N, C-alpha and C. Protein backbone atom coordinates (compact mmCIF):
# COMPACT_ATOMS: atom_id res chain seq x y z
N MET A 1 -134.69 45.75 -126.49
CA MET A 1 -133.08 45.61 -126.56
C MET A 1 -132.64 44.75 -127.72
N THR A 2 -131.73 45.23 -128.53
CA THR A 2 -131.30 44.37 -129.53
C THR A 2 -130.06 43.70 -129.15
N VAL A 3 -129.56 42.82 -130.06
CA VAL A 3 -128.37 42.00 -129.67
C VAL A 3 -127.09 42.84 -129.53
N MET A 4 -127.21 43.93 -130.31
CA MET A 4 -126.00 44.95 -130.34
C MET A 4 -126.16 45.63 -128.98
N ASP A 5 -127.25 45.94 -128.42
CA ASP A 5 -127.29 46.66 -127.06
C ASP A 5 -126.76 45.87 -125.98
N SER A 6 -127.01 44.59 -126.11
CA SER A 6 -126.81 43.68 -125.00
C SER A 6 -125.10 43.39 -125.08
N LYS A 7 -124.64 43.49 -126.25
CA LYS A 7 -123.08 43.25 -126.33
C LYS A 7 -122.17 44.39 -125.74
N VAL A 8 -121.43 44.17 -124.78
CA VAL A 8 -120.59 45.16 -124.29
C VAL A 8 -119.23 45.01 -124.91
N LEU A 9 -118.69 45.99 -125.55
CA LEU A 9 -117.48 46.10 -126.10
C LEU A 9 -116.42 46.56 -125.17
N LEU A 10 -115.37 45.91 -124.97
CA LEU A 10 -114.33 46.16 -124.01
C LEU A 10 -113.35 47.25 -124.64
N TRP A 11 -112.72 48.01 -124.02
CA TRP A 11 -111.72 49.00 -124.41
C TRP A 11 -110.38 48.33 -124.53
N HIS A 12 -109.54 48.84 -125.45
CA HIS A 12 -108.16 48.42 -125.53
C HIS A 12 -107.15 49.54 -125.47
N LEU A 13 -105.97 49.41 -124.97
CA LEU A 13 -104.88 50.39 -124.94
C LEU A 13 -103.98 49.66 -126.06
N TYR A 14 -103.37 50.73 -126.93
CA TYR A 14 -102.46 50.30 -127.93
C TYR A 14 -101.40 51.19 -128.27
N MET A 15 -100.38 50.85 -128.86
CA MET A 15 -99.14 51.68 -129.18
C MET A 15 -98.81 51.40 -130.64
N VAL A 16 -98.48 52.49 -131.48
CA VAL A 16 -98.27 52.32 -132.78
C VAL A 16 -96.70 52.99 -132.97
N ARG A 17 -95.87 52.37 -133.74
CA ARG A 17 -94.49 53.01 -134.07
C ARG A 17 -94.70 53.44 -135.36
N THR A 18 -94.07 54.80 -135.46
CA THR A 18 -94.05 55.48 -136.74
C THR A 18 -92.60 55.29 -137.49
N SER A 19 -92.64 55.61 -138.78
CA SER A 19 -91.34 55.33 -139.35
C SER A 19 -90.20 56.14 -138.86
N HIS A 20 -90.42 57.21 -138.02
CA HIS A 20 -89.33 58.06 -137.45
C HIS A 20 -88.99 57.33 -135.85
N ASP A 21 -89.72 56.19 -135.66
CA ASP A 21 -89.41 55.48 -134.31
C ASP A 21 -90.01 56.19 -133.08
N GLN A 22 -91.11 56.82 -133.44
CA GLN A 22 -91.83 57.42 -132.31
C GLN A 22 -92.95 56.51 -132.04
N LEU A 23 -93.43 56.66 -130.65
CA LEU A 23 -94.53 55.73 -130.23
C LEU A 23 -95.69 56.65 -129.98
N TYR A 24 -96.84 56.23 -130.53
CA TYR A 24 -98.04 56.87 -130.33
C TYR A 24 -99.13 55.92 -129.41
N THR A 25 -99.75 56.48 -128.54
CA THR A 25 -100.51 55.61 -127.56
C THR A 25 -101.94 56.15 -127.56
N GLY A 26 -102.91 55.20 -127.68
CA GLY A 26 -104.20 55.43 -127.74
C GLY A 26 -105.07 54.42 -127.22
N ILE A 27 -106.42 54.79 -127.03
CA ILE A 27 -107.26 53.66 -126.61
C ILE A 27 -108.62 53.60 -127.76
N THR A 28 -109.14 52.32 -127.88
CA THR A 28 -110.14 52.15 -128.61
C THR A 28 -111.01 50.82 -128.24
N GLN A 29 -112.14 50.70 -129.03
CA GLN A 29 -112.85 49.40 -128.71
C GLN A 29 -112.50 48.47 -129.78
N ASP A 30 -111.90 48.95 -130.97
CA ASP A 30 -111.54 47.96 -132.03
C ASP A 30 -110.42 48.37 -132.60
N VAL A 31 -109.06 47.65 -132.11
CA VAL A 31 -107.76 47.88 -132.44
C VAL A 31 -107.59 47.95 -134.11
N THR A 32 -108.03 46.85 -134.65
CA THR A 32 -107.83 46.54 -136.03
C THR A 32 -108.39 47.79 -136.90
N ARG A 33 -109.51 48.06 -136.40
CA ARG A 33 -110.33 49.16 -137.35
C ARG A 33 -109.52 50.52 -137.15
N ARG A 34 -109.17 50.78 -135.79
CA ARG A 34 -108.48 52.07 -135.52
C ARG A 34 -107.12 52.17 -136.12
N PHE A 35 -106.32 51.02 -136.10
CA PHE A 35 -105.18 51.08 -136.69
C PHE A 35 -105.31 51.16 -138.26
N MET A 36 -106.16 50.70 -139.00
CA MET A 36 -106.42 50.89 -140.33
C MET A 36 -106.78 52.47 -140.57
N GLU A 37 -107.56 53.04 -139.62
CA GLU A 37 -107.94 54.40 -139.95
C GLU A 37 -106.57 55.18 -139.87
N HIS A 38 -105.63 54.85 -138.84
CA HIS A 38 -104.30 55.59 -138.76
C HIS A 38 -103.59 55.41 -139.97
N GLN A 39 -103.49 54.19 -140.50
CA GLN A 39 -102.63 53.83 -141.72
C GLN A 39 -103.00 54.65 -142.98
N GLU A 40 -104.54 54.71 -142.93
CA GLU A 40 -105.14 55.46 -144.21
C GLU A 40 -105.02 57.01 -144.27
N GLY A 41 -104.66 57.45 -142.97
CA GLY A 41 -104.25 58.90 -142.87
C GLY A 41 -105.39 59.92 -143.10
N GLY A 42 -106.75 59.52 -143.19
CA GLY A 42 -107.87 60.29 -143.39
C GLY A 42 -108.27 61.16 -142.33
N LYS A 43 -109.48 61.54 -142.27
CA LYS A 43 -110.03 62.40 -141.20
C LYS A 43 -110.09 61.85 -139.91
N LYS A 44 -110.16 60.52 -140.02
CA LYS A 44 -110.37 59.72 -138.55
C LYS A 44 -108.99 59.34 -138.07
N ALA A 45 -108.08 59.58 -138.84
CA ALA A 45 -106.63 59.37 -138.39
C ALA A 45 -106.08 60.32 -137.31
N ALA A 46 -105.37 59.99 -136.39
CA ALA A 46 -104.69 60.95 -135.26
C ALA A 46 -103.85 61.82 -136.14
N LYS A 47 -104.09 63.00 -136.13
CA LYS A 47 -103.28 64.27 -136.69
C LYS A 47 -101.79 64.04 -136.45
N TYR A 48 -101.43 63.44 -135.07
CA TYR A 48 -99.96 63.11 -134.86
C TYR A 48 -99.33 62.26 -135.80
N LEU A 49 -100.21 61.15 -136.39
CA LEU A 49 -99.62 60.05 -137.17
C LEU A 49 -99.61 60.49 -138.66
N ARG A 50 -100.35 61.34 -139.01
CA ARG A 50 -100.60 61.53 -140.45
C ARG A 50 -99.12 61.96 -141.05
N GLY A 51 -98.76 61.43 -142.21
CA GLY A 51 -97.39 61.55 -142.94
C GLY A 51 -96.23 60.91 -142.31
N LYS A 52 -96.55 60.08 -141.12
CA LYS A 52 -95.49 59.53 -140.46
C LYS A 52 -95.44 57.98 -140.70
N GLY A 53 -96.09 57.47 -141.71
CA GLY A 53 -96.00 55.94 -142.07
C GLY A 53 -94.63 55.66 -142.81
N PRO A 54 -94.40 54.42 -143.07
CA PRO A 54 -95.40 53.38 -142.54
C PRO A 54 -95.44 53.20 -141.01
N LEU A 55 -96.71 52.72 -140.64
CA LEU A 55 -96.91 52.48 -139.12
C LEU A 55 -96.90 51.09 -138.79
N LYS A 56 -96.55 50.74 -137.54
CA LYS A 56 -96.58 49.49 -137.19
C LYS A 56 -97.23 49.30 -135.77
N LEU A 57 -98.20 48.55 -135.69
CA LEU A 57 -98.87 48.13 -134.18
C LEU A 57 -98.01 47.36 -133.54
N VAL A 58 -97.33 47.88 -132.26
CA VAL A 58 -96.40 47.26 -131.63
C VAL A 58 -96.90 46.64 -130.13
N PHE A 59 -98.09 47.06 -129.75
CA PHE A 59 -98.53 46.76 -128.53
C PHE A 59 -100.24 46.98 -128.48
N GLN A 60 -100.91 46.06 -127.90
CA GLN A 60 -102.05 46.05 -127.56
C GLN A 60 -102.60 45.27 -126.34
N GLN A 61 -103.46 46.02 -125.50
CA GLN A 61 -103.88 45.10 -124.54
C GLN A 61 -105.38 45.46 -124.03
N GLU A 62 -106.04 44.47 -123.87
CA GLU A 62 -107.43 44.67 -123.43
C GLU A 62 -107.54 45.23 -121.88
N ILE A 63 -108.32 46.21 -121.72
CA ILE A 63 -108.16 47.01 -120.35
C ILE A 63 -109.58 46.73 -119.71
N GLY A 64 -110.76 47.11 -120.44
CA GLY A 64 -112.11 46.78 -119.81
C GLY A 64 -112.89 48.13 -120.16
N SER A 65 -113.25 48.81 -119.06
CA SER A 65 -114.05 49.90 -119.19
C SER A 65 -113.27 50.98 -119.93
N ARG A 66 -114.15 52.10 -120.52
CA ARG A 66 -113.46 53.31 -121.14
C ARG A 66 -112.74 54.10 -119.83
N SER A 67 -113.33 54.20 -118.71
CA SER A 67 -112.59 54.99 -117.79
C SER A 67 -111.27 54.26 -117.38
N SER A 68 -111.23 53.02 -117.32
CA SER A 68 -109.92 52.28 -116.94
C SER A 68 -108.98 52.53 -118.17
N ALA A 69 -109.51 52.50 -119.34
CA ALA A 69 -108.53 52.56 -120.54
C ALA A 69 -108.06 53.89 -120.60
N LEU A 70 -108.73 54.88 -120.28
CA LEU A 70 -108.21 56.32 -120.16
C LEU A 70 -107.15 56.48 -119.06
N LYS A 71 -107.52 55.89 -118.04
CA LYS A 71 -106.39 56.20 -116.90
C LYS A 71 -105.18 55.27 -117.48
N ALA A 72 -105.21 54.15 -117.88
CA ALA A 72 -104.20 53.39 -118.38
C ALA A 72 -103.46 54.11 -119.46
N GLU A 73 -104.02 54.71 -120.40
CA GLU A 73 -103.41 55.40 -121.30
C GLU A 73 -102.57 56.70 -120.69
N ILE A 74 -103.16 57.41 -119.87
CA ILE A 74 -102.41 58.34 -119.14
C ILE A 74 -101.23 57.90 -118.35
N ALA A 75 -101.39 56.73 -117.82
CA ALA A 75 -100.26 56.18 -117.05
C ALA A 75 -99.24 55.81 -117.95
N LEU A 76 -99.57 55.20 -119.09
CA LEU A 76 -98.66 54.73 -120.22
C LEU A 76 -97.84 55.73 -120.75
N LYS A 77 -98.49 56.94 -120.97
CA LYS A 77 -97.82 58.06 -121.51
C LYS A 77 -96.82 58.62 -120.62
N LYS A 78 -97.13 58.49 -119.21
CA LYS A 78 -96.20 59.04 -118.31
C LYS A 78 -94.88 58.13 -118.14
N LEU A 79 -94.82 56.99 -118.69
CA LEU A 79 -93.68 56.14 -118.45
C LEU A 79 -92.55 56.69 -119.33
N PRO A 80 -91.23 56.42 -118.78
CA PRO A 80 -90.19 56.77 -119.70
C PRO A 80 -90.08 55.96 -120.97
N LYS A 81 -89.48 56.47 -122.09
CA LYS A 81 -89.45 55.93 -123.22
C LYS A 81 -88.86 54.35 -123.32
N ARG A 82 -87.91 54.21 -122.48
CA ARG A 82 -87.26 52.82 -122.44
C ARG A 82 -88.26 51.97 -121.87
N GLU A 83 -89.03 52.29 -120.97
CA GLU A 83 -90.20 51.30 -120.44
C GLU A 83 -91.24 51.11 -121.49
N LYS A 84 -91.53 52.03 -122.26
CA LYS A 84 -92.53 51.84 -123.36
C LYS A 84 -91.89 51.02 -124.36
N GLU A 85 -90.68 51.03 -124.72
CA GLU A 85 -89.92 50.45 -125.58
C GLU A 85 -89.80 48.92 -125.23
N SER A 86 -89.59 48.61 -123.88
CA SER A 86 -89.53 47.31 -123.43
C SER A 86 -90.85 46.65 -123.51
N LEU A 87 -91.92 47.45 -123.25
CA LEU A 87 -93.28 46.81 -123.42
C LEU A 87 -93.49 46.44 -124.77
N ALA A 88 -93.21 47.23 -125.65
CA ALA A 88 -93.49 47.11 -127.24
C ALA A 88 -92.69 46.00 -127.70
N ASP A 89 -91.35 45.96 -127.24
CA ASP A 89 -90.26 44.80 -127.88
C ASP A 89 -90.72 43.50 -127.30
N ASN A 90 -90.92 43.40 -126.01
CA ASN A 90 -90.97 42.15 -125.41
C ASN A 90 -92.50 41.46 -125.39
N SER A 91 -93.49 42.07 -125.98
CA SER A 91 -95.01 41.77 -126.06
C SER A 91 -95.41 41.53 -124.64
N GLY A 92 -94.90 42.47 -123.58
CA GLY A 92 -95.44 42.30 -122.18
C GLY A 92 -96.79 42.76 -122.11
N ARG A 93 -97.21 42.81 -120.87
CA ARG A 93 -98.37 43.36 -120.51
C ARG A 93 -98.21 44.44 -119.35
N LEU A 94 -99.03 45.50 -119.43
CA LEU A 94 -99.05 46.71 -118.45
C LEU A 94 -99.71 46.26 -117.32
N ILE A 95 -99.39 46.16 -116.05
CA ILE A 95 -100.25 45.95 -114.97
C ILE A 95 -100.37 47.13 -114.14
N LEU A 96 -101.52 47.57 -114.25
CA LEU A 96 -101.84 48.97 -113.50
C LEU A 96 -102.71 48.62 -112.33
N ASP A 97 -102.07 49.07 -111.24
CA ASP A 97 -102.73 48.83 -109.86
C ASP A 97 -103.15 50.22 -109.42
N ASN A 98 -104.26 50.45 -108.63
CA ASN A 98 -104.74 51.66 -108.10
C ASN A 98 -104.74 52.77 -108.95
N LEU A 99 -105.53 52.75 -109.94
CA LEU A 99 -105.57 53.84 -110.99
C LEU A 99 -106.55 54.88 -110.61
N GLU A 100 -106.88 55.03 -109.39
CA GLU A 100 -107.87 56.05 -108.92
C GLU A 100 -106.87 57.40 -108.95
N PRO A 101 -107.59 58.33 -109.41
CA PRO A 101 -106.53 59.72 -109.64
C PRO A 101 -106.15 60.27 -108.29
N THR A 102 -106.82 59.90 -107.01
CA THR A 102 -106.39 60.52 -106.02
C THR A 102 -105.24 59.61 -105.27
N GLN A 103 -105.09 58.52 -105.81
CA GLN A 103 -104.07 57.53 -105.34
C GLN A 103 -102.75 57.42 -106.13
N GLU A 104 -101.67 57.05 -105.50
CA GLU A 104 -100.42 56.84 -106.14
C GLU A 104 -100.59 55.76 -107.06
N LYS A 105 -100.11 56.03 -108.35
CA LYS A 105 -100.22 54.97 -109.32
C LYS A 105 -98.92 53.83 -109.16
N GLN A 106 -99.47 52.82 -109.19
CA GLN A 106 -98.36 51.60 -109.36
C GLN A 106 -98.24 51.08 -110.68
N ILE A 107 -97.33 50.96 -111.49
CA ILE A 107 -97.25 50.55 -112.72
C ILE A 107 -96.08 49.54 -112.93
N ARG A 108 -96.49 48.35 -113.39
CA ARG A 108 -95.44 47.30 -113.55
C ARG A 108 -95.70 46.78 -115.00
N LEU A 109 -94.66 46.40 -115.45
CA LEU A 109 -94.45 45.63 -116.87
C LEU A 109 -94.21 44.18 -116.41
N THR A 110 -94.85 43.34 -117.33
CA THR A 110 -94.51 41.99 -117.15
C THR A 110 -94.23 41.50 -118.64
N GLY A 111 -93.25 40.54 -118.78
CA GLY A 111 -92.78 40.11 -120.10
C GLY A 111 -92.96 38.64 -120.06
């Protein structure tokens, strides 16, 4: 086992604002690298973001496992835009309780 094998990278949830004031939500293990890929607009950038720059990273939060990050991404995408804007504008945190798909999702914003 190498040092890289023993290092567990945590997953993050993030939001990017486009020049058209739209919000894009994604997950990654390296927010800085992923945001740069989006800004460059190359093959690794999200198709949705291509040609919509300049882009601004407006929110990021460490989530943990990939599974939890995917569930958090889905939950965040379901929020009304005003709640996403509040999260982005106030540098708040998304509190996700009961993310099991069979249970009701409880989503709270803290600021």
